[in-house]
Amino acid sequence: MSQPLSDPAFDQLFRTARTYNRFSGEIDDATIHQLYELLKWGPTSANQSPARFVFVRSPEAKAKLEPALDEGNRAKTMEAPVTVIVAHDLEFHEKLPYLFPHTDAKAWFDGPQEGREEHAFRNGTLQGAYLIIAARALGLDTGPMTGFNAAMVDDTFFKGTSIRSNFLVNLGKGDPSSIFERSPRLPFDEACRIE
């Protein structure tokens, strides 16, 4: 891993990749599995891996998701081949004896769920970002968003569990006519410093 990626790879992952508002195409099970097999290798603190993903693809699942969507996100989500619910498990520590066997990491997080919320949210969000990069690496376009009723999604898809939704990501072939002109980003000197 000593060689940088090529410029076209940088473009595909970052520089020319965009957040799309309309999608087409189909995504098969094999691609969904391949997507997870890539994103799962992204690092999390003590290998917590709290993210849980629901790949909403069937018309029945889409119909269950639709009432929870904000009006501005409804049409694009209904037409996207797949919408991923990026969530996190507040009981992630139960898997740590398997995921982080070097020490008793589970004991670090025993106790009330509130003591695990920050860890689950932070590391689950990281894994959601890995999902976006992995999808782009596989040639899929993405449309991450937060305009939805999380409590409704949790009640519909995770009722009776310790899993909580974080954000959604539409996947498919993005329609270039659905994107706005590229928004600026902060320059290095405004966002960074080297000490």
N, C-alpha and C. Protein backbone atom coordinates (compact mmCIF):
# COMPACT_ATOMS: atom_id res chain seq x y z
N MET A 1 0.82 -1.19 0.00
CA MET A 1 0.00 0.00 0.00
C MET A 1 0.87 1.25 0.00
N SER A 2 1.97 1.23 -0.72
CA SER A 2 2.87 2.37 -0.69
C SER A 2 2.65 3.32 -1.86
N GLN A 3 1.82 2.94 -2.83
CA GLN A 3 1.62 3.78 -4.00
C GLN A 3 0.29 4.52 -3.92
N PRO A 4 0.28 5.82 -4.22
CA PRO A 4 -0.99 6.55 -4.25
C PRO A 4 -1.88 6.01 -5.36
N LEU A 5 -3.18 6.22 -5.23
CA LEU A 5 -4.11 5.90 -6.29
C LEU A 5 -3.90 6.84 -7.46
N SER A 6 -4.50 6.51 -8.58
CA SER A 6 -4.38 7.36 -9.77
C SER A 6 -5.32 8.55 -9.66
N ASP A 7 -5.06 9.58 -10.46
CA ASP A 7 -5.94 10.75 -10.48
C ASP A 7 -7.38 10.37 -10.82
N PRO A 8 -7.63 9.49 -11.81
CA PRO A 8 -9.03 9.11 -12.06
C PRO A 8 -9.70 8.46 -10.83
N ALA A 9 -8.93 7.71 -10.04
CA ALA A 9 -9.50 7.12 -8.82
C ALA A 9 -9.83 8.20 -7.80
N PHE A 10 -8.94 9.18 -7.64
CA PHE A 10 -9.23 10.30 -6.74
C PHE A 10 -10.49 11.04 -7.18
N ASP A 11 -10.62 11.22 -8.50
CA ASP A 11 -11.82 11.89 -9.02
C ASP A 11 -13.07 11.10 -8.67
N GLN A 12 -13.04 9.80 -8.93
CA GLN A 12 -14.22 8.96 -8.71
C GLN A 12 -14.63 8.92 -7.24
N LEU A 13 -13.66 8.91 -6.36
CA LEU A 13 -13.95 8.82 -4.93
C LEU A 13 -14.28 10.18 -4.31
N PHE A 14 -13.64 11.25 -4.79
CA PHE A 14 -13.75 12.54 -4.11
C PHE A 14 -14.03 13.72 -5.04
N ARG A 15 -13.10 14.03 -5.93
CA ARG A 15 -13.09 15.33 -6.60
C ARG A 15 -14.28 15.57 -7.52
N THR A 16 -14.70 14.57 -8.26
CA THR A 16 -15.84 14.76 -9.15
C THR A 16 -17.08 14.01 -8.68
N ALA A 17 -16.98 13.25 -7.61
CA ALA A 17 -18.14 12.56 -7.05
C ALA A 17 -19.10 13.59 -6.49
N ARG A 18 -20.39 13.34 -6.64
CA ARG A 18 -21.40 14.31 -6.23
C ARG A 18 -22.52 13.62 -5.45
N THR A 19 -23.34 14.43 -4.80
CA THR A 19 -24.56 13.96 -4.16
C THR A 19 -25.70 14.14 -5.15
N TYR A 20 -26.27 13.03 -5.60
CA TYR A 20 -27.30 13.07 -6.63
C TYR A 20 -28.70 13.13 -6.03
N ASN A 21 -29.62 13.70 -6.80
CA ASN A 21 -31.01 13.84 -6.36
C ASN A 21 -31.98 13.00 -7.16
N ARG A 22 -31.51 12.34 -8.23
CA ARG A 22 -32.32 11.39 -8.98
C ARG A 22 -31.44 10.22 -9.38
N PHE A 23 -32.05 9.03 -9.38
CA PHE A 23 -31.29 7.81 -9.62
C PHE A 23 -32.06 6.88 -10.54
N SER A 24 -31.32 6.00 -11.20
CA SER A 24 -31.92 4.94 -12.00
C SER A 24 -31.04 3.71 -11.84
N GLY A 25 -31.37 2.66 -12.59
CA GLY A 25 -30.57 1.44 -12.58
C GLY A 25 -31.08 0.42 -11.59
N GLU A 26 -30.33 -0.65 -11.47
CA GLU A 26 -30.63 -1.73 -10.54
C GLU A 26 -29.36 -2.10 -9.79
N ILE A 27 -29.53 -2.57 -8.57
CA ILE A 27 -28.40 -3.03 -7.76
C ILE A 27 -28.74 -4.41 -7.25
N ASP A 28 -27.93 -5.40 -7.64
CA ASP A 28 -28.24 -6.78 -7.26
C ASP A 28 -27.65 -7.14 -5.90
N ASP A 29 -28.04 -8.30 -5.41
CA ASP A 29 -27.57 -8.76 -4.10
C ASP A 29 -26.05 -8.85 -4.05
N ALA A 30 -25.45 -9.32 -5.14
CA ALA A 30 -23.99 -9.50 -5.15
C ALA A 30 -23.28 -8.16 -4.93
N THR A 31 -23.80 -7.09 -5.54
CA THR A 31 -23.18 -5.77 -5.37
C THR A 31 -23.36 -5.27 -3.94
N ILE A 32 -24.53 -5.51 -3.36
CA ILE A 32 -24.76 -5.11 -1.97
C ILE A 32 -23.80 -5.84 -1.04
N HIS A 33 -23.62 -7.13 -1.27
CA HIS A 33 -22.67 -7.89 -0.45
C HIS A 33 -21.24 -7.39 -0.64
N GLN A 34 -20.88 -7.10 -1.89
CA GLN A 34 -19.54 -6.58 -2.18
C GLN A 34 -19.33 -5.24 -1.50
N LEU A 35 -20.36 -4.41 -1.49
CA LEU A 35 -20.28 -3.11 -0.83
C LEU A 35 -19.97 -3.27 0.65
N TYR A 36 -20.69 -4.16 1.31
CA TYR A 36 -20.42 -4.37 2.74
C TYR A 36 -19.03 -4.97 2.96
N GLU A 37 -18.63 -5.90 2.11
CA GLU A 37 -17.32 -6.54 2.27
C GLU A 37 -16.19 -5.53 2.15
N LEU A 38 -16.41 -4.43 1.45
CA LEU A 38 -15.40 -3.36 1.39
C LEU A 38 -15.49 -2.45 2.61
N LEU A 39 -16.67 -1.95 2.90
CA LEU A 39 -16.78 -0.93 3.95
C LEU A 39 -16.44 -1.47 5.33
N LYS A 40 -16.62 -2.76 5.56
CA LYS A 40 -16.41 -3.32 6.90
C LYS A 40 -14.96 -3.22 7.37
N TRP A 41 -14.03 -3.00 6.42
CA TRP A 41 -12.62 -2.93 6.80
C TRP A 41 -12.21 -1.54 7.28
N GLY A 42 -13.07 -0.55 7.16
CA GLY A 42 -12.73 0.79 7.66
C GLY A 42 -12.58 0.76 9.17
N PRO A 43 -11.62 1.49 9.72
CA PRO A 43 -11.35 1.42 11.15
C PRO A 43 -12.42 2.09 12.00
N THR A 44 -12.66 1.50 13.17
CA THR A 44 -13.48 2.10 14.22
C THR A 44 -12.74 1.92 15.54
N SER A 45 -13.08 2.72 16.51
CA SER A 45 -12.42 2.66 17.81
C SER A 45 -12.59 1.29 18.44
N ALA A 46 -11.48 0.65 18.81
CA ALA A 46 -11.49 -0.70 19.39
C ALA A 46 -12.30 -1.67 18.53
N ASN A 47 -12.30 -1.43 17.23
CA ASN A 47 -13.03 -2.27 16.29
C ASN A 47 -14.50 -2.46 16.69
N GLN A 48 -15.10 -1.40 17.24
CA GLN A 48 -16.47 -1.49 17.75
C GLN A 48 -17.47 -1.91 16.68
N SER A 49 -17.30 -1.42 15.48
CA SER A 49 -18.18 -1.78 14.36
C SER A 49 -19.65 -1.73 14.73
N PRO A 50 -20.14 -0.58 15.24
CA PRO A 50 -21.53 -0.52 15.70
C PRO A 50 -22.54 -0.32 14.59
N ALA A 51 -22.10 0.00 13.38
CA ALA A 51 -23.06 0.30 12.31
C ALA A 51 -23.86 -0.93 11.93
N ARG A 52 -25.13 -0.68 11.64
CA ARG A 52 -26.02 -1.70 11.10
C ARG A 52 -26.68 -1.07 9.88
N PHE A 53 -26.82 -1.84 8.81
CA PHE A 53 -27.30 -1.31 7.54
C PHE A 53 -28.54 -2.07 7.08
N VAL A 54 -29.56 -1.33 6.70
CA VAL A 54 -30.73 -1.93 6.07
C VAL A 54 -30.76 -1.43 4.63
N PHE A 55 -30.68 -2.35 3.68
CA PHE A 55 -30.71 -2.01 2.26
C PHE A 55 -32.16 -2.10 1.80
N VAL A 56 -32.81 -0.96 1.71
CA VAL A 56 -34.23 -0.89 1.38
C VAL A 56 -34.34 -0.90 -0.14
N ARG A 57 -34.87 -2.01 -0.68
CA ARG A 57 -34.91 -2.16 -2.13
C ARG A 57 -36.29 -2.58 -2.64
N SER A 58 -36.97 -3.44 -1.94
CA SER A 58 -38.25 -3.95 -2.43
C SER A 58 -39.33 -2.86 -2.36
N PRO A 59 -40.35 -2.96 -3.21
CA PRO A 59 -41.46 -1.99 -3.14
C PRO A 59 -42.11 -1.97 -1.75
N GLU A 60 -42.20 -3.13 -1.10
CA GLU A 60 -42.82 -3.21 0.22
C GLU A 60 -41.98 -2.43 1.25
N ALA A 61 -40.67 -2.60 1.19
CA ALA A 61 -39.79 -1.89 2.13
C ALA A 61 -39.80 -0.39 1.85
N LYS A 62 -39.82 -0.02 0.56
CA LYS A 62 -39.88 1.40 0.20
C LYS A 62 -41.16 2.03 0.74
N ALA A 63 -42.27 1.29 0.65
CA ALA A 63 -43.55 1.81 1.15
C ALA A 63 -43.51 2.02 2.65
N LYS A 64 -42.77 1.18 3.36
CA LYS A 64 -42.63 1.35 4.81
C LYS A 64 -41.77 2.57 5.15
N LEU A 65 -40.77 2.85 4.30
CA LEU A 65 -39.88 3.98 4.55
C LEU A 65 -40.51 5.32 4.17
N GLU A 66 -41.34 5.33 3.15
CA GLU A 66 -41.85 6.58 2.58
C GLU A 66 -42.49 7.53 3.58
N PRO A 67 -43.35 7.08 4.51
CA PRO A 67 -43.97 8.04 5.42
C PRO A 67 -42.99 8.78 6.33
N ALA A 68 -41.81 8.22 6.52
CA ALA A 68 -40.81 8.85 7.41
C ALA A 68 -39.98 9.90 6.70
N LEU A 69 -40.09 10.02 5.39
CA LEU A 69 -39.24 10.92 4.62
C LEU A 69 -39.80 12.33 4.60
N ASP A 70 -38.91 13.32 4.72
CA ASP A 70 -39.31 14.70 4.51
C ASP A 70 -39.75 14.86 3.05
N GLU A 71 -40.64 15.80 2.80
CA GLU A 71 -41.21 15.98 1.46
C GLU A 71 -40.12 16.13 0.39
N GLY A 72 -39.08 16.89 0.69
CA GLY A 72 -38.03 17.12 -0.30
C GLY A 72 -37.20 15.90 -0.62
N ASN A 73 -37.26 14.86 0.19
CA ASN A 73 -36.47 13.64 -0.03
C ASN A 73 -37.32 12.48 -0.53
N ARG A 74 -38.63 12.68 -0.63
CA ARG A 74 -39.52 11.56 -0.92
C ARG A 74 -39.35 11.00 -2.33
N ALA A 75 -39.49 11.84 -3.34
CA ALA A 75 -39.48 11.35 -4.73
C ALA A 75 -38.15 10.69 -5.08
N LYS A 76 -37.05 11.34 -4.73
CA LYS A 76 -35.75 10.78 -5.10
C LYS A 76 -35.46 9.46 -4.39
N THR A 77 -35.98 9.32 -3.18
CA THR A 77 -35.75 8.09 -2.44
C THR A 77 -36.63 6.97 -2.98
N MET A 78 -37.84 7.29 -3.36
CA MET A 78 -38.73 6.27 -3.90
C MET A 78 -38.23 5.73 -5.24
N GLU A 79 -37.54 6.56 -6.03
CA GLU A 79 -37.08 6.10 -7.34
C GLU A 79 -35.67 5.51 -7.29
N ALA A 80 -34.93 5.73 -6.21
CA ALA A 80 -33.58 5.18 -6.11
C ALA A 80 -33.64 3.65 -6.07
N PRO A 81 -32.74 2.97 -6.75
CA PRO A 81 -32.75 1.51 -6.71
C PRO A 81 -32.63 0.94 -5.29
N VAL A 82 -31.80 1.57 -4.47
CA VAL A 82 -31.61 1.13 -3.09
C VAL A 82 -31.44 2.37 -2.21
N THR A 83 -32.06 2.31 -1.05
CA THR A 83 -31.81 3.32 -0.01
C THR A 83 -31.26 2.58 1.20
N VAL A 84 -30.12 3.02 1.69
CA VAL A 84 -29.51 2.38 2.85
C VAL A 84 -29.86 3.17 4.10
N ILE A 85 -30.43 2.48 5.09
CA ILE A 85 -30.58 3.08 6.41
C ILE A 85 -29.29 2.80 7.15
N VAL A 86 -28.53 3.84 7.44
CA VAL A 86 -27.29 3.71 8.20
C VAL A 86 -27.67 3.91 9.67
N ALA A 87 -27.49 2.88 10.46
CA ALA A 87 -27.89 2.91 11.86
C ALA A 87 -26.73 2.43 12.72
N HIS A 88 -26.93 2.46 14.04
CA HIS A 88 -25.90 1.96 14.95
C HIS A 88 -26.58 1.22 16.10
N ASP A 89 -25.88 0.23 16.60
CA ASP A 89 -26.41 -0.60 17.68
C ASP A 89 -25.84 -0.13 19.01
N LEU A 90 -26.73 0.28 19.91
CA LEU A 90 -26.30 0.74 21.23
C LEU A 90 -25.77 -0.41 22.10
N GLU A 91 -25.99 -1.63 21.66
CA GLU A 91 -25.45 -2.81 22.37
C GLU A 91 -24.25 -3.39 21.62
N PHE A 92 -23.54 -2.55 20.89
CA PHE A 92 -22.39 -3.01 20.10
C PHE A 92 -21.36 -3.75 20.94
N HIS A 93 -21.29 -3.39 22.23
CA HIS A 93 -20.24 -3.97 23.09
C HIS A 93 -20.40 -5.47 23.27
N GLU A 94 -21.59 -6.00 23.03
CA GLU A 94 -21.81 -7.45 23.15
C GLU A 94 -20.99 -8.24 22.14
N LYS A 95 -20.61 -7.59 21.03
CA LYS A 95 -19.81 -8.25 19.98
C LYS A 95 -18.31 -8.08 20.20
N LEU A 96 -17.90 -7.30 21.19
CA LEU A 96 -16.47 -7.01 21.35
C LEU A 96 -15.62 -8.22 21.72
N PRO A 97 -16.12 -9.20 22.45
CA PRO A 97 -15.26 -10.37 22.68
C PRO A 97 -14.81 -11.03 21.37
N TYR A 98 -15.65 -10.95 20.34
CA TYR A 98 -15.28 -11.47 19.02
C TYR A 98 -14.48 -10.44 18.22
N LEU A 99 -14.93 -9.19 18.23
CA LEU A 99 -14.33 -8.17 17.38
C LEU A 99 -13.01 -7.62 17.91
N PHE A 100 -12.83 -7.63 19.23
CA PHE A 100 -11.62 -7.07 19.84
C PHE A 100 -11.17 -8.01 20.96
N PRO A 101 -10.66 -9.20 20.59
CA PRO A 101 -10.38 -10.24 21.58
C PRO A 101 -9.10 -10.03 22.38
N HIS A 102 -8.36 -8.96 22.11
CA HIS A 102 -7.06 -8.75 22.75
C HIS A 102 -7.18 -8.44 24.24
N THR A 103 -8.35 -7.95 24.63
CA THR A 103 -8.56 -7.57 26.03
C THR A 103 -10.06 -7.61 26.30
N ASP A 104 -10.45 -7.39 27.53
CA ASP A 104 -11.87 -7.40 27.87
C ASP A 104 -12.48 -6.03 27.56
N ALA A 105 -12.60 -5.70 26.28
CA ALA A 105 -13.13 -4.40 25.87
C ALA A 105 -14.62 -4.28 26.17
N LYS A 106 -15.30 -5.38 26.24
CA LYS A 106 -16.74 -5.32 26.56
C LYS A 106 -16.96 -4.63 27.90
N ALA A 107 -16.09 -4.90 28.85
CA ALA A 107 -16.23 -4.32 30.19
C ALA A 107 -16.12 -2.80 30.17
N TRP A 108 -15.43 -2.24 29.19
CA TRP A 108 -15.29 -0.79 29.09
C TRP A 108 -16.65 -0.12 28.89
N PHE A 109 -17.59 -0.86 28.31
CA PHE A 109 -18.87 -0.27 27.89
C PHE A 109 -20.07 -0.87 28.60
N ASP A 110 -19.84 -1.73 29.59
CA ASP A 110 -20.96 -2.27 30.36
C ASP A 110 -21.67 -1.13 31.09
N GLY A 111 -22.94 -1.34 31.38
CA GLY A 111 -23.71 -0.31 32.08
C GLY A 111 -24.83 0.21 31.21
N PRO A 112 -25.42 1.35 31.59
CA PRO A 112 -26.56 1.90 30.85
C PRO A 112 -26.20 2.25 29.40
N GLN A 113 -27.19 2.13 28.53
CA GLN A 113 -26.98 2.44 27.10
C GLN A 113 -26.46 3.85 26.89
N GLU A 114 -26.88 4.79 27.73
CA GLU A 114 -26.46 6.18 27.56
C GLU A 114 -24.95 6.32 27.53
N GLY A 115 -24.26 5.43 28.24
CA GLY A 115 -22.81 5.46 28.27
C GLY A 115 -22.16 5.00 26.97
N ARG A 116 -22.96 4.40 26.09
CA ARG A 116 -22.44 3.91 24.81
C ARG A 116 -22.91 4.74 23.62
N GLU A 117 -23.85 5.65 23.84
CA GLU A 117 -24.45 6.38 22.72
C GLU A 117 -23.43 7.13 21.88
N GLU A 118 -22.54 7.86 22.54
CA GLU A 118 -21.57 8.66 21.80
C GLU A 118 -20.65 7.78 20.97
N HIS A 119 -20.19 6.67 21.54
CA HIS A 119 -19.30 5.76 20.82
C HIS A 119 -20.02 5.13 19.63
N ALA A 120 -21.26 4.69 19.85
CA ALA A 120 -22.02 4.05 18.78
C ALA A 120 -22.29 5.04 17.65
N PHE A 121 -22.69 6.26 18.01
CA PHE A 121 -23.00 7.26 17.00
C PHE A 121 -21.74 7.66 16.22
N ARG A 122 -20.66 7.93 16.92
CA ARG A 122 -19.43 8.38 16.26
C ARG A 122 -18.89 7.32 15.31
N ASN A 123 -18.75 6.11 15.80
CA ASN A 123 -18.16 5.05 14.98
C ASN A 123 -19.12 4.55 13.91
N GLY A 124 -20.42 4.57 14.21
CA GLY A 124 -21.40 4.22 13.18
C GLY A 124 -21.43 5.24 12.06
N THR A 125 -21.24 6.51 12.39
CA THR A 125 -21.16 7.56 11.37
C THR A 125 -19.93 7.35 10.49
N LEU A 126 -18.80 7.02 11.12
CA LEU A 126 -17.61 6.69 10.33
C LEU A 126 -17.91 5.58 9.34
N GLN A 127 -18.58 4.53 9.80
CA GLN A 127 -18.87 3.41 8.91
C GLN A 127 -19.83 3.82 7.80
N GLY A 128 -20.72 4.76 8.08
CA GLY A 128 -21.58 5.27 7.02
C GLY A 128 -20.79 6.01 5.96
N ALA A 129 -19.76 6.74 6.39
CA ALA A 129 -18.88 7.41 5.42
C ALA A 129 -18.11 6.38 4.59
N TYR A 130 -17.67 5.30 5.25
CA TYR A 130 -17.00 4.24 4.48
C TYR A 130 -17.94 3.64 3.44
N LEU A 131 -19.22 3.53 3.78
CA LEU A 131 -20.19 3.01 2.82
C LEU A 131 -20.24 3.89 1.58
N ILE A 132 -20.24 5.21 1.77
CA ILE A 132 -20.28 6.13 0.63
C ILE A 132 -19.04 5.96 -0.25
N ILE A 133 -17.87 5.89 0.36
CA ILE A 133 -16.63 5.73 -0.41
C ILE A 133 -16.60 4.38 -1.11
N ALA A 134 -17.02 3.33 -0.41
CA ALA A 134 -17.04 1.99 -1.03
C ALA A 134 -18.01 1.95 -2.19
N ALA A 135 -19.18 2.59 -2.04
CA ALA A 135 -20.15 2.63 -3.14
C ALA A 135 -19.55 3.33 -4.35
N ARG A 136 -18.90 4.46 -4.12
CA ARG A 136 -18.26 5.18 -5.23
C ARG A 136 -17.17 4.33 -5.88
N ALA A 137 -16.42 3.60 -5.07
CA ALA A 137 -15.36 2.74 -5.60
C ALA A 137 -15.94 1.64 -6.49
N LEU A 138 -17.17 1.22 -6.20
CA LEU A 138 -17.83 0.19 -7.00
C LEU A 138 -18.56 0.77 -8.21
N GLY A 139 -18.46 2.08 -8.40
CA GLY A 139 -19.09 2.71 -9.55
C GLY A 139 -20.53 3.15 -9.32
N LEU A 140 -20.96 3.14 -8.07
CA LEU A 140 -22.31 3.61 -7.75
C LEU A 140 -22.27 5.09 -7.38
N ASP A 141 -23.35 5.79 -7.66
CA ASP A 141 -23.50 7.16 -7.21
C ASP A 141 -24.29 7.14 -5.90
N THR A 142 -24.11 8.19 -5.10
CA THR A 142 -24.72 8.21 -3.77
C THR A 142 -25.48 9.51 -3.54
N GLY A 143 -26.42 9.44 -2.61
CA GLY A 143 -27.16 10.61 -2.19
C GLY A 143 -27.44 10.52 -0.70
N PRO A 144 -26.45 10.84 0.15
CA PRO A 144 -26.68 10.80 1.59
C PRO A 144 -27.59 11.94 2.04
N MET A 145 -28.39 11.68 3.07
CA MET A 145 -29.33 12.70 3.54
C MET A 145 -29.77 12.43 4.97
N THR A 146 -30.24 13.49 5.61
CA THR A 146 -30.74 13.37 6.97
C THR A 146 -32.18 13.84 7.10
N GLY A 147 -32.85 14.17 6.02
CA GLY A 147 -34.21 14.68 6.07
C GLY A 147 -35.24 13.58 6.21
N PHE A 148 -35.37 13.05 7.42
CA PHE A 148 -36.35 11.99 7.67
C PHE A 148 -36.65 11.96 9.16
N ASN A 149 -37.74 11.30 9.52
CA ASN A 149 -38.16 11.16 10.90
C ASN A 149 -37.49 9.91 11.47
N ALA A 150 -36.42 10.11 12.23
CA ALA A 150 -35.65 8.97 12.74
C ALA A 150 -36.46 8.11 13.69
N ALA A 151 -37.29 8.71 14.51
CA ALA A 151 -38.10 7.93 15.45
C ALA A 151 -39.06 7.02 14.69
N MET A 152 -39.61 7.50 13.58
CA MET A 152 -40.51 6.69 12.77
C MET A 152 -39.76 5.54 12.09
N VAL A 153 -38.57 5.84 11.58
CA VAL A 153 -37.75 4.79 10.96
C VAL A 153 -37.39 3.73 12.00
N ASP A 154 -37.01 4.18 13.19
CA ASP A 154 -36.65 3.22 14.24
C ASP A 154 -37.84 2.35 14.62
N ASP A 155 -39.01 2.95 14.71
CA ASP A 155 -40.21 2.19 15.07
C ASP A 155 -40.59 1.21 13.97
N THR A 156 -40.36 1.58 12.72
CA THR A 156 -40.74 0.74 11.59
C THR A 156 -39.74 -0.38 11.33
N PHE A 157 -38.45 -0.05 11.39
CA PHE A 157 -37.42 -1.02 10.99
C PHE A 157 -36.67 -1.66 12.16
N PHE A 158 -36.67 -1.02 13.33
CA PHE A 158 -35.85 -1.51 14.45
C PHE A 158 -36.63 -1.66 15.75
N LYS A 159 -37.94 -1.74 15.68
CA LYS A 159 -38.77 -1.79 16.87
C LYS A 159 -38.33 -2.94 17.79
N GLY A 160 -38.20 -2.63 19.07
CA GLY A 160 -37.83 -3.64 20.05
C GLY A 160 -36.37 -4.01 20.08
N THR A 161 -35.53 -3.22 19.37
CA THR A 161 -34.10 -3.50 19.34
C THR A 161 -33.33 -2.32 19.93
N SER A 162 -32.04 -2.46 20.01
CA SER A 162 -31.16 -1.39 20.49
C SER A 162 -30.53 -0.62 19.33
N ILE A 163 -31.08 -0.77 18.13
CA ILE A 163 -30.54 -0.13 16.93
C ILE A 163 -31.27 1.18 16.68
N ARG A 164 -30.50 2.24 16.36
CA ARG A 164 -31.05 3.56 16.11
C ARG A 164 -30.54 4.07 14.76
N SER A 165 -31.43 4.69 13.99
CA SER A 165 -31.04 5.21 12.67
C SER A 165 -30.25 6.50 12.81
N ASN A 166 -29.38 6.74 11.83
CA ASN A 166 -28.52 7.91 11.81
C ASN A 166 -28.78 8.74 10.56
N PHE A 167 -28.56 8.17 9.38
CA PHE A 167 -28.83 8.87 8.13
C PHE A 167 -29.15 7.87 7.03
N LEU A 168 -29.57 8.37 5.89
CA LEU A 168 -29.94 7.54 4.75
C LEU A 168 -28.99 7.82 3.60
N VAL A 169 -28.79 6.81 2.75
CA VAL A 169 -27.98 6.99 1.55
C VAL A 169 -28.69 6.33 0.37
N ASN A 170 -29.08 7.12 -0.62
CA ASN A 170 -29.61 6.56 -1.85
C ASN A 170 -28.46 6.09 -2.72
N LEU A 171 -28.66 4.97 -3.38
CA LEU A 171 -27.64 4.39 -4.26
C LEU A 171 -28.24 4.12 -5.63
N GLY A 172 -27.42 4.26 -6.66
CA GLY A 172 -27.83 3.93 -8.01
C GLY A 172 -26.97 4.65 -9.03
N LYS A 173 -27.50 4.80 -10.22
CA LYS A 173 -26.84 5.58 -11.25
C LYS A 173 -27.42 6.99 -11.18
N GLY A 174 -26.59 7.94 -10.80
CA GLY A 174 -27.06 9.30 -10.61
C GLY A 174 -27.35 10.03 -11.91
N ASP A 175 -28.40 10.82 -11.90
CA ASP A 175 -28.77 11.63 -13.05
C ASP A 175 -28.04 12.97 -12.95
N PRO A 176 -27.11 13.25 -13.88
CA PRO A 176 -26.33 14.50 -13.80
C PRO A 176 -27.19 15.76 -13.81
N SER A 177 -28.38 15.69 -14.40
CA SER A 177 -29.23 16.89 -14.45
C SER A 177 -29.86 17.19 -13.09
N SER A 178 -29.68 16.29 -12.12
CA SER A 178 -30.33 16.47 -10.81
C SER A 178 -29.43 17.15 -9.78
N ILE A 179 -28.21 17.50 -10.19
CA ILE A 179 -27.30 18.08 -9.21
C ILE A 179 -27.14 19.58 -9.44
N PHE A 180 -26.84 20.26 -8.35
CA PHE A 180 -26.58 21.69 -8.42
C PHE A 180 -25.13 21.92 -8.85
N GLU A 181 -24.82 23.16 -9.19
CA GLU A 181 -23.42 23.50 -9.45
C GLU A 181 -22.61 23.18 -8.20
N ARG A 182 -21.41 22.73 -8.40
CA ARG A 182 -20.56 22.30 -7.28
C ARG A 182 -20.40 23.41 -6.25
N SER A 183 -20.69 23.10 -5.01
CA SER A 183 -20.51 24.09 -3.94
C SER A 183 -19.04 24.16 -3.54
N PRO A 184 -18.60 25.32 -3.06
CA PRO A 184 -17.19 25.44 -2.68
C PRO A 184 -16.89 24.67 -1.40
N ARG A 185 -15.63 24.47 -1.15
CA ARG A 185 -15.15 23.89 0.10
C ARG A 185 -14.17 24.89 0.72
N LEU A 186 -13.98 24.80 2.01
CA LEU A 186 -13.06 25.70 2.68
C LEU A 186 -11.63 25.44 2.23
N PRO A 187 -10.84 26.49 2.05
CA PRO A 187 -9.42 26.28 1.74
C PRO A 187 -8.67 25.75 2.96
N PHE A 188 -7.52 25.18 2.69
CA PHE A 188 -6.71 24.57 3.74
C PHE A 188 -6.53 25.48 4.94
N ASP A 189 -6.15 26.74 4.70
CA ASP A 189 -5.82 27.65 5.79
C ASP A 189 -7.01 27.99 6.68
N GLU A 190 -8.22 27.82 6.19
CA GLU A 190 -9.40 28.07 7.01
C GLU A 190 -9.86 26.84 7.77
N ALA A 191 -9.51 25.67 7.28
CA ALA A 191 -9.99 24.43 7.89
C ALA A 191 -8.91 23.67 8.65
N CYS A 192 -7.66 24.01 8.40
CA CYS A 192 -6.56 23.19 8.93
C CYS A 192 -5.45 24.05 9.50
N ARG A 193 -4.63 23.44 10.31
CA ARG A 193 -3.36 24.04 10.69
C ARG A 193 -2.38 22.90 10.95
N ILE A 194 -1.14 23.19 10.74
CA ILE A 194 -0.07 22.23 10.99
C ILE A 194 0.74 22.77 12.16
N GLU A 195 0.90 21.98 13.20
CA GLU A 195 1.67 22.44 14.37
C GLU A 195 2.91 21.58 14.55
